[in-house]
Structures are given as C-alpha cells and as structure tokens.
N, C-alpha and C. Protein backbone atom coordinates (compact mmCIF):
# COMPACT_ATOMS: atom_id res chain seq x y z
N MET A 1 54.38 -99.56 54.19
CA MET A 1 55.39 -98.62 54.56
C MET A 1 54.77 -97.37 55.16
N MET A 2 55.38 -96.85 56.14
CA MET A 2 54.97 -95.58 56.70
C MET A 2 55.74 -94.51 55.94
N VAL A 3 55.64 -93.28 56.16
CA VAL A 3 56.27 -92.33 55.29
C VAL A 3 57.17 -91.34 55.95
N ARG A 4 57.91 -90.73 55.10
CA ARG A 4 58.81 -89.69 55.53
C ARG A 4 58.02 -88.41 55.67
N ARG A 5 58.30 -87.73 56.70
CA ARG A 5 57.66 -86.44 56.90
C ARG A 5 58.74 -85.40 57.09
N VAL A 6 58.60 -84.31 56.43
CA VAL A 6 59.48 -83.18 56.67
C VAL A 6 58.56 -82.15 57.30
N THR A 7 58.69 -81.96 58.60
CA THR A 7 57.76 -81.10 59.30
C THR A 7 58.47 -79.93 59.96
N GLU A 8 57.75 -78.88 60.20
CA GLU A 8 58.23 -77.72 60.91
C GLU A 8 57.46 -77.71 62.22
N ARG A 9 58.15 -77.80 63.33
CA ARG A 9 57.48 -78.02 64.60
C ARG A 9 56.95 -76.78 65.29
N PHE A 10 57.63 -75.67 65.27
CA PHE A 10 57.33 -74.61 66.21
C PHE A 10 56.72 -73.35 65.62
N ARG A 11 56.64 -73.23 64.35
CA ARG A 11 56.18 -71.99 63.75
C ARG A 11 55.03 -72.23 62.77
N SER A 12 54.23 -71.20 62.60
CA SER A 12 53.28 -71.20 61.49
C SER A 12 54.04 -70.63 60.31
N LEU A 13 53.76 -71.14 59.15
CA LEU A 13 54.58 -70.79 58.00
C LEU A 13 53.73 -70.71 56.75
N VAL A 14 53.90 -69.66 56.00
CA VAL A 14 53.31 -69.60 54.67
C VAL A 14 54.45 -69.97 53.73
N THR A 15 54.27 -71.04 52.99
CA THR A 15 55.33 -71.47 52.09
C THR A 15 54.88 -71.27 50.66
N ARG A 16 55.83 -71.23 49.80
CA ARG A 16 55.56 -71.21 48.37
C ARG A 16 56.29 -72.39 47.78
N SER A 17 55.58 -73.11 46.99
CA SER A 17 56.18 -74.25 46.30
C SER A 17 56.25 -73.92 44.83
N ARG A 18 57.41 -74.13 44.23
CA ARG A 18 57.57 -73.89 42.80
C ARG A 18 57.95 -75.18 42.13
N LYS A 19 57.42 -75.38 40.97
CA LYS A 19 57.89 -76.48 40.14
C LYS A 19 58.23 -75.91 38.78
N ARG A 20 58.96 -76.66 38.03
CA ARG A 20 59.34 -76.23 36.69
C ARG A 20 58.57 -77.09 35.70
N ASN A 21 58.00 -76.44 34.68
CA ASN A 21 57.29 -77.20 33.67
C ASN A 21 58.29 -77.85 32.73
N VAL A 22 57.81 -78.57 31.76
CA VAL A 22 58.67 -79.32 30.85
C VAL A 22 59.66 -78.40 30.14
N ALA A 23 59.29 -77.18 29.84
CA ALA A 23 60.17 -76.25 29.16
C ALA A 23 61.17 -75.59 30.11
N GLY A 24 61.09 -75.91 31.41
CA GLY A 24 62.02 -75.36 32.38
C GLY A 24 61.59 -74.02 32.97
N ARG A 25 60.39 -73.56 32.64
CA ARG A 25 59.89 -72.31 33.19
C ARG A 25 59.35 -72.53 34.60
N SER A 26 59.59 -71.57 35.46
CA SER A 26 59.13 -71.67 36.84
C SER A 26 57.63 -71.46 36.91
N MET A 27 56.96 -72.28 37.71
CA MET A 27 55.52 -72.17 37.91
C MET A 27 55.29 -72.06 39.41
N ALA A 28 55.13 -70.85 39.93
CA ALA A 28 54.99 -70.64 41.37
C ALA A 28 53.55 -70.92 41.82
N ARG A 29 53.43 -71.53 42.98
CA ARG A 29 52.12 -71.80 43.58
C ARG A 29 52.19 -71.36 45.04
N SER A 30 51.19 -70.63 45.50
CA SER A 30 51.17 -70.18 46.89
C SER A 30 50.35 -71.14 47.73
N ILE A 31 50.80 -71.35 48.94
CA ILE A 31 50.04 -72.16 49.87
C ILE A 31 50.21 -71.57 51.26
N ALA A 32 49.28 -71.84 52.13
CA ALA A 32 49.40 -71.41 53.52
C ALA A 32 49.05 -72.60 54.39
N GLU A 33 49.92 -72.91 55.31
CA GLU A 33 49.70 -74.03 56.22
C GLU A 33 50.05 -73.61 57.62
N LYS A 34 49.26 -73.98 58.58
CA LYS A 34 49.64 -73.86 59.97
C LYS A 34 50.33 -75.18 60.27
N LEU A 35 51.61 -75.11 60.64
CA LEU A 35 52.43 -76.30 60.61
C LEU A 35 52.58 -77.06 61.92
N GLU A 36 51.79 -76.80 62.91
CA GLU A 36 51.86 -77.62 64.11
C GLU A 36 51.47 -79.04 63.71
N GLY A 37 52.47 -79.89 63.54
CA GLY A 37 52.21 -81.27 63.17
C GLY A 37 51.90 -81.50 61.71
N ARG A 38 52.15 -80.52 60.86
CA ARG A 38 51.87 -80.69 59.44
C ARG A 38 53.14 -80.66 58.61
N GLN A 39 53.03 -80.94 57.36
CA GLN A 39 54.17 -81.02 56.47
C GLN A 39 54.63 -79.64 56.02
N LEU A 40 55.93 -79.43 56.02
CA LEU A 40 56.49 -78.19 55.48
C LEU A 40 56.37 -78.20 53.96
N LEU A 41 56.57 -79.35 53.36
CA LEU A 41 56.57 -79.45 51.91
C LEU A 41 55.17 -79.77 51.40
N ALA A 42 54.27 -78.85 51.65
CA ALA A 42 52.89 -79.03 51.22
C ALA A 42 52.63 -78.16 50.01
N GLY A 43 51.59 -78.46 49.30
CA GLY A 43 51.27 -77.67 48.12
C GLY A 43 49.79 -77.48 47.96
N ASP A 44 49.42 -76.66 47.04
CA ASP A 44 48.01 -76.41 46.76
C ASP A 44 47.54 -77.23 45.57
N GLY A 45 48.17 -78.38 45.37
CA GLY A 45 47.87 -79.20 44.22
C GLY A 45 49.06 -79.27 43.29
N ALA A 46 50.00 -78.35 43.43
CA ALA A 46 51.21 -78.37 42.60
C ALA A 46 52.27 -79.22 43.29
N GLY A 47 52.78 -78.80 44.39
CA GLY A 47 53.71 -79.59 45.18
C GLY A 47 55.09 -79.72 44.59
N LEU A 48 55.70 -80.87 44.83
CA LEU A 48 57.07 -81.15 44.42
C LEU A 48 57.10 -82.18 43.31
N ILE A 49 58.09 -82.09 42.45
CA ILE A 49 58.27 -83.08 41.40
C ILE A 49 58.79 -84.35 42.05
N ALA A 50 58.14 -85.46 41.79
CA ALA A 50 58.51 -86.75 42.38
C ALA A 50 58.97 -87.71 41.30
N ASN A 51 60.15 -88.27 41.49
CA ASN A 51 60.66 -89.30 40.59
C ASN A 51 60.81 -90.58 41.41
N TYR A 52 60.19 -91.65 40.94
CA TYR A 52 60.23 -92.95 41.60
C TYR A 52 61.06 -93.91 40.76
N TYR A 53 61.97 -94.62 41.40
CA TYR A 53 62.89 -95.52 40.73
C TYR A 53 62.62 -96.97 41.13
N SER A 54 62.81 -97.88 40.21
CA SER A 54 62.52 -99.30 40.49
C SER A 54 63.68 -100.01 41.19
N ASP A 55 64.68 -99.25 41.58
CA ASP A 55 65.80 -99.79 42.34
C ASP A 55 66.08 -98.84 43.51
N ALA A 56 66.94 -99.24 44.43
CA ALA A 56 67.23 -98.43 45.61
C ALA A 56 68.34 -97.42 45.39
N ASN A 57 68.84 -97.29 44.14
CA ASN A 57 70.00 -96.44 43.89
C ASN A 57 69.74 -95.29 42.91
N PHE A 58 68.50 -94.92 42.68
CA PHE A 58 68.14 -93.79 41.83
C PHE A 58 68.64 -93.94 40.39
N THR A 59 68.61 -95.16 39.85
CA THR A 59 69.12 -95.34 38.49
C THR A 59 68.06 -95.71 37.46
N ASN A 60 67.01 -96.42 37.84
CA ASN A 60 66.00 -96.88 36.88
C ASN A 60 64.68 -96.14 37.10
N LEU A 61 64.54 -94.98 36.46
CA LEU A 61 63.33 -94.19 36.62
C LEU A 61 62.12 -94.98 36.12
N ALA A 62 61.13 -95.15 36.99
CA ALA A 62 59.95 -95.93 36.65
C ALA A 62 58.68 -95.09 36.58
N ALA A 63 58.64 -93.98 37.32
CA ALA A 63 57.43 -93.14 37.35
C ALA A 63 57.81 -91.73 37.76
N ALA A 64 57.07 -90.76 37.25
CA ALA A 64 57.26 -89.37 37.63
C ALA A 64 55.90 -88.72 37.77
N ARG A 65 55.77 -87.84 38.74
CA ARG A 65 54.51 -87.14 38.95
C ARG A 65 54.79 -85.95 39.87
N THR A 66 53.76 -85.20 40.18
CA THR A 66 53.86 -84.12 41.15
C THR A 66 53.13 -84.58 42.41
N ASP A 67 53.83 -84.53 43.55
CA ASP A 67 53.22 -84.88 44.83
C ASP A 67 53.01 -83.61 45.63
N SER A 68 51.80 -83.42 46.14
CA SER A 68 51.49 -82.20 46.90
C SER A 68 52.12 -82.20 48.28
N THR A 69 52.45 -83.36 48.81
CA THR A 69 53.16 -83.47 50.09
C THR A 69 54.14 -84.63 50.01
N VAL A 70 55.05 -84.65 50.96
CA VAL A 70 55.95 -85.79 51.11
C VAL A 70 55.55 -86.43 52.43
N ASP A 71 54.50 -87.23 52.38
CA ASP A 71 53.93 -87.85 53.58
C ASP A 71 53.10 -89.04 53.12
N PHE A 72 53.71 -90.23 53.10
CA PHE A 72 53.06 -91.40 52.55
C PHE A 72 53.12 -92.58 53.51
N ASN A 73 52.13 -93.45 53.38
CA ASN A 73 52.14 -94.75 54.04
C ASN A 73 51.67 -95.75 52.99
N TRP A 74 52.65 -96.38 52.32
CA TRP A 74 52.31 -97.30 51.25
C TRP A 74 51.97 -98.69 51.76
N GLY A 75 52.18 -98.96 53.04
CA GLY A 75 51.92 -100.30 53.57
C GLY A 75 52.71 -101.33 52.79
N THR A 76 52.03 -102.34 52.30
CA THR A 76 52.71 -103.35 51.47
C THR A 76 52.55 -103.04 49.99
N GLY A 77 51.99 -101.88 49.70
CA GLY A 77 51.76 -101.50 48.31
C GLY A 77 52.94 -100.77 47.70
N SER A 78 52.77 -100.42 46.45
CA SER A 78 53.80 -99.73 45.68
C SER A 78 53.46 -98.25 45.59
N PRO A 79 54.48 -97.37 45.52
CA PRO A 79 54.19 -95.95 45.39
C PRO A 79 53.67 -95.55 44.01
N ALA A 80 53.91 -96.38 43.00
CA ALA A 80 53.45 -96.05 41.64
C ALA A 80 53.54 -97.30 40.77
N VAL A 81 52.81 -97.30 39.66
CA VAL A 81 52.88 -98.40 38.70
C VAL A 81 54.31 -98.51 38.19
N GLY A 82 54.83 -99.72 38.16
CA GLY A 82 56.19 -99.94 37.69
C GLY A 82 57.26 -99.84 38.76
N VAL A 83 56.84 -99.50 39.98
CA VAL A 83 57.76 -99.38 41.11
C VAL A 83 57.46 -100.53 42.07
N PRO A 84 58.48 -101.30 42.45
CA PRO A 84 58.22 -102.41 43.37
C PRO A 84 57.81 -101.91 44.75
N ALA A 85 57.12 -102.75 45.50
CA ALA A 85 56.70 -102.38 46.86
C ALA A 85 57.89 -102.30 47.81
N GLU A 86 58.95 -103.00 47.52
CA GLU A 86 60.16 -102.98 48.34
C GLU A 86 61.36 -102.82 47.43
N GLY A 87 62.42 -102.17 47.92
CA GLY A 87 63.64 -102.04 47.14
C GLY A 87 63.61 -100.94 46.10
N PHE A 88 62.92 -99.85 46.35
CA PHE A 88 62.83 -98.73 45.41
C PHE A 88 63.48 -97.49 46.01
N SER A 89 63.55 -96.43 45.23
CA SER A 89 64.01 -95.14 45.73
C SER A 89 63.10 -94.05 45.15
N ALA A 90 63.11 -92.89 45.81
CA ALA A 90 62.29 -91.76 45.36
C ALA A 90 63.04 -90.47 45.63
N ARG A 91 62.83 -89.50 44.73
CA ARG A 91 63.47 -88.18 44.89
C ARG A 91 62.42 -87.12 44.60
N TRP A 92 62.26 -86.17 45.53
CA TRP A 92 61.36 -85.04 45.37
C TRP A 92 62.19 -83.78 45.24
N THR A 93 61.85 -82.92 44.29
CA THR A 93 62.57 -81.67 44.10
C THR A 93 61.58 -80.53 43.87
N GLY A 94 61.99 -79.34 44.24
CA GLY A 94 61.16 -78.15 44.05
C GLY A 94 61.77 -76.99 44.81
N GLN A 95 60.94 -76.01 45.15
CA GLN A 95 61.38 -74.86 45.91
C GLN A 95 60.40 -74.54 47.01
N ILE A 96 60.94 -73.99 48.12
CA ILE A 96 60.11 -73.56 49.24
C ILE A 96 60.53 -72.17 49.66
N SER A 97 59.64 -71.49 50.37
CA SER A 97 59.89 -70.13 50.83
C SER A 97 59.22 -69.95 52.18
N ALA A 98 59.77 -69.06 53.01
CA ALA A 98 59.19 -68.77 54.32
C ALA A 98 58.81 -67.29 54.39
N PRO A 99 57.72 -66.95 55.08
CA PRO A 99 57.30 -65.55 55.16
C PRO A 99 58.12 -64.75 56.16
N LYS A 100 58.76 -65.44 57.11
CA LYS A 100 59.55 -64.76 58.13
C LYS A 100 60.97 -65.29 58.12
N THR A 101 61.89 -64.40 58.31
CA THR A 101 63.29 -64.81 58.43
C THR A 101 63.47 -65.49 59.78
N GLY A 102 64.15 -66.63 59.76
CA GLY A 102 64.40 -67.32 61.02
C GLY A 102 64.88 -68.74 60.81
N LYS A 103 65.25 -69.35 61.90
CA LYS A 103 65.74 -70.73 61.89
C LYS A 103 64.56 -71.67 62.10
N TYR A 104 64.42 -72.64 61.19
CA TYR A 104 63.33 -73.61 61.24
C TYR A 104 63.91 -75.00 61.44
N THR A 105 63.21 -75.81 62.21
CA THR A 105 63.62 -77.19 62.43
C THR A 105 62.80 -78.10 61.53
N LEU A 106 63.50 -78.92 60.73
CA LEU A 106 62.85 -79.89 59.86
C LEU A 106 63.03 -81.26 60.49
N THR A 107 61.97 -82.03 60.53
CA THR A 107 62.00 -83.37 61.14
C THR A 107 61.42 -84.37 60.16
N GLU A 108 62.10 -85.51 60.02
CA GLU A 108 61.58 -86.59 59.18
C GLU A 108 61.36 -87.82 60.04
N GLN A 109 60.42 -88.64 59.61
CA GLN A 109 60.19 -89.95 60.23
C GLN A 109 60.22 -90.96 59.11
N SER A 110 61.14 -91.90 59.19
CA SER A 110 61.29 -92.86 58.11
C SER A 110 61.94 -94.14 58.59
N ALA A 111 61.91 -95.12 57.74
CA ALA A 111 62.71 -96.34 57.86
C ALA A 111 63.27 -96.56 56.48
N GLY A 112 64.52 -96.88 56.40
CA GLY A 112 65.20 -96.97 55.11
C GLY A 112 66.36 -96.01 55.16
N GLY A 113 66.47 -95.13 54.21
CA GLY A 113 67.49 -94.10 54.20
C GLY A 113 66.91 -92.84 53.62
N ILE A 114 67.20 -91.69 54.23
CA ILE A 114 66.63 -90.43 53.75
C ILE A 114 67.64 -89.29 53.89
N LYS A 115 67.58 -88.36 52.94
CA LYS A 115 68.42 -87.17 52.98
C LYS A 115 67.58 -85.98 52.53
N VAL A 116 67.70 -84.86 53.25
CA VAL A 116 66.99 -83.63 52.92
C VAL A 116 68.04 -82.54 52.71
N VAL A 117 67.99 -81.91 51.53
CA VAL A 117 68.93 -80.85 51.17
C VAL A 117 68.13 -79.60 50.87
N VAL A 118 68.49 -78.48 51.52
CA VAL A 118 67.85 -77.19 51.26
C VAL A 118 68.94 -76.22 50.82
N ASP A 119 68.77 -75.63 49.64
CA ASP A 119 69.69 -74.65 49.09
C ASP A 119 71.14 -75.18 49.08
N GLY A 120 71.30 -76.45 48.74
CA GLY A 120 72.62 -77.06 48.66
C GLY A 120 73.21 -77.50 49.99
N LYS A 121 72.53 -77.24 51.09
CA LYS A 121 73.00 -77.63 52.42
C LYS A 121 72.26 -78.89 52.87
N VAL A 122 73.03 -79.91 53.27
CA VAL A 122 72.41 -81.12 53.79
C VAL A 122 71.86 -80.80 55.18
N VAL A 123 70.54 -80.83 55.32
CA VAL A 123 69.88 -80.52 56.57
C VAL A 123 69.65 -81.79 57.39
N ILE A 124 69.28 -82.87 56.72
CA ILE A 124 69.11 -84.18 57.36
C ILE A 124 69.86 -85.19 56.50
N ASN A 125 70.75 -85.94 57.13
CA ASN A 125 71.50 -86.98 56.43
C ASN A 125 71.34 -88.27 57.22
N ASP A 126 70.26 -88.96 56.97
CA ASP A 126 69.90 -90.18 57.69
C ASP A 126 69.87 -91.33 56.69
N THR A 127 70.96 -91.47 55.91
CA THR A 127 70.98 -92.40 54.79
C THR A 127 71.37 -93.82 55.16
N LYS A 128 71.88 -94.04 56.36
CA LYS A 128 72.17 -95.41 56.77
C LYS A 128 70.83 -96.11 56.97
N PHE A 129 70.69 -97.30 56.41
CA PHE A 129 69.40 -98.00 56.48
C PHE A 129 69.07 -98.34 57.92
N HIS A 130 67.83 -98.06 58.29
CA HIS A 130 67.40 -98.16 59.69
C HIS A 130 65.91 -98.51 59.76
N SER A 131 65.51 -98.93 60.96
CA SER A 131 64.08 -99.15 61.21
C SER A 131 63.45 -97.78 61.48
N LEU A 132 62.15 -97.77 61.68
CA LEU A 132 61.41 -96.53 61.85
C LEU A 132 61.95 -95.69 63.00
N HIS A 133 62.33 -94.47 62.70
CA HIS A 133 62.72 -93.48 63.70
C HIS A 133 62.68 -92.09 63.06
N SER A 134 62.96 -91.07 63.87
CA SER A 134 62.95 -89.68 63.40
C SER A 134 64.35 -89.08 63.47
N ALA A 135 64.59 -88.11 62.63
CA ALA A 135 65.82 -87.31 62.65
C ALA A 135 65.43 -85.89 62.30
N SER A 136 66.22 -84.92 62.74
CA SER A 136 65.90 -83.53 62.43
C SER A 136 67.16 -82.73 62.16
N GLY A 137 66.96 -81.57 61.57
CA GLY A 137 68.01 -80.62 61.29
C GLY A 137 67.38 -79.26 61.14
N SER A 138 68.20 -78.22 61.09
CA SER A 138 67.64 -76.87 61.00
C SER A 138 68.22 -76.13 59.81
N PHE A 139 67.48 -75.12 59.39
CA PHE A 139 67.89 -74.28 58.27
C PHE A 139 67.36 -72.87 58.54
N THR A 140 68.17 -71.87 58.26
CA THR A 140 67.75 -70.48 58.42
C THR A 140 67.24 -69.95 57.09
N PHE A 141 65.97 -69.59 57.06
CA PHE A 141 65.32 -69.05 55.87
C PHE A 141 65.29 -67.53 55.94
N THR A 142 65.37 -66.88 54.79
CA THR A 142 65.18 -65.45 54.68
C THR A 142 63.80 -65.23 54.07
N ALA A 143 63.02 -64.37 54.69
CA ALA A 143 61.65 -64.13 54.24
C ALA A 143 61.59 -63.80 52.75
N GLY A 144 60.66 -64.48 52.06
CA GLY A 144 60.41 -64.21 50.66
C GLY A 144 61.40 -64.82 49.68
N GLU A 145 62.49 -65.38 50.14
CA GLU A 145 63.47 -66.02 49.26
C GLU A 145 63.02 -67.45 48.94
N TYR A 146 63.29 -67.88 47.71
CA TYR A 146 63.01 -69.25 47.33
C TYR A 146 64.26 -70.09 47.49
N TYR A 147 64.08 -71.30 48.01
CA TYR A 147 65.20 -72.21 48.24
C TYR A 147 64.91 -73.53 47.55
N ASP A 148 65.90 -74.03 46.81
CA ASP A 148 65.77 -75.35 46.21
C ASP A 148 65.72 -76.37 47.34
N VAL A 149 64.87 -77.36 47.19
CA VAL A 149 64.78 -78.44 48.17
C VAL A 149 64.81 -79.76 47.43
N GLN A 150 65.48 -80.74 48.03
CA GLN A 150 65.53 -82.09 47.48
C GLN A 150 65.43 -83.08 48.64
N VAL A 151 64.51 -84.02 48.50
CA VAL A 151 64.35 -85.09 49.49
C VAL A 151 64.58 -86.40 48.77
N GLU A 152 65.50 -87.22 49.27
CA GLU A 152 65.79 -88.52 48.68
C GLU A 152 65.50 -89.61 49.69
N TYR A 153 64.82 -90.65 49.23
CA TYR A 153 64.48 -91.80 50.08
C TYR A 153 64.90 -93.09 49.39
N GLN A 154 65.47 -94.01 50.15
CA GLN A 154 65.84 -95.32 49.63
C GLN A 154 65.24 -96.40 50.50
N ASP A 155 64.62 -97.38 49.85
CA ASP A 155 64.00 -98.51 50.52
C ASP A 155 64.72 -99.77 50.04
N ARG A 156 65.22 -100.58 50.96
CA ARG A 156 65.94 -101.78 50.56
C ARG A 156 65.25 -103.04 51.03
N GLY A 157 63.99 -103.03 51.22
CA GLY A 157 63.31 -104.25 51.64
C GLY A 157 62.25 -103.97 52.66
N THR A 158 62.48 -104.29 53.89
CA THR A 158 61.44 -104.16 54.91
C THR A 158 61.40 -102.78 55.52
N ALA A 159 61.92 -101.78 54.88
CA ALA A 159 61.95 -100.44 55.41
C ALA A 159 60.62 -99.72 55.23
N THR A 160 60.42 -98.71 56.05
CA THR A 160 59.26 -97.83 55.88
C THR A 160 59.79 -96.42 55.71
N ALA A 161 59.07 -95.64 54.94
CA ALA A 161 59.53 -94.27 54.71
C ALA A 161 58.54 -93.28 55.26
C-alpha cells in the first residue's frame, strides 16, 4: 500500500503537535518543517495518536501507537501486529498549529477512503473507495492557535493509502 499524505504545498510552516497522555493531560511538542513536499502532520517523535482497526469500519481496535507522520507505504504488509494487510481502518488524532495566520491547502494521496477534519470542519472528504489519486481542501489557521485534527483511512482490499 502507498500512503496518505496530508501536505501543505505553498508555505513554510512551524507546527506544533500535541498529544494527550493516558490521564488526558496535554503534552505539547514543537516541530519545525519546511513543507515544500513534506507532511503537515509531522512531529519531533511525538506526532499523532494512531488507532489501527482490524476491520474497515473503525470497530475492532487492534493496535494503538503514536505516529510521527501520516505518510506510509505498507506494500503488501500490515500497518501493525494484529491488523490485516487488507481490509483495515486507521484513525489519527492530535492537534496542529501554524505560526502565521492564513489559508493553507491540505492535500492527500490515497487509495481506499480518507477523511481529514480540522477543528470540526471536514477539509477533505474522499471516503468513496477509489484507486490511487489525490484530493485537497483548505483551512484558515490563526497563528499560535491549536486545532484538533483527525485523519481517518479505510482500506477494503486492494486499496492503497
């Protein structure tokens, strides 16, 4: 499988990724990325909380971890122990921040179904199962503000994410 990418095409961006520990306390991590062709959802080792499900409908949680980016190519392999190579789903959650106020374009490349939500707004809704292609959407960030982000991916067989 190839992977989903959430990229920012035109700007350099310093992002902050936050995750919540088991007790629900926020754990902020700073990162700086020049994003020409790189992932917006990058981390300094903290990244986003990743939940992998053994089905395509987000019901049977099989693995959980922190992923520093949302950019994978699993080929014919599995994303985690207990997760099938085909017919699984994954959800990444966390927070992002931008250093400058402005409108940013987010682009994903996937096969399967994918949805990207920032601060409760669906930015990319490409959930109809499809072969490899890209989709994009935009979101206006306010400098220094943290925004909840959620990326959902569904694989139903020969899809790539």
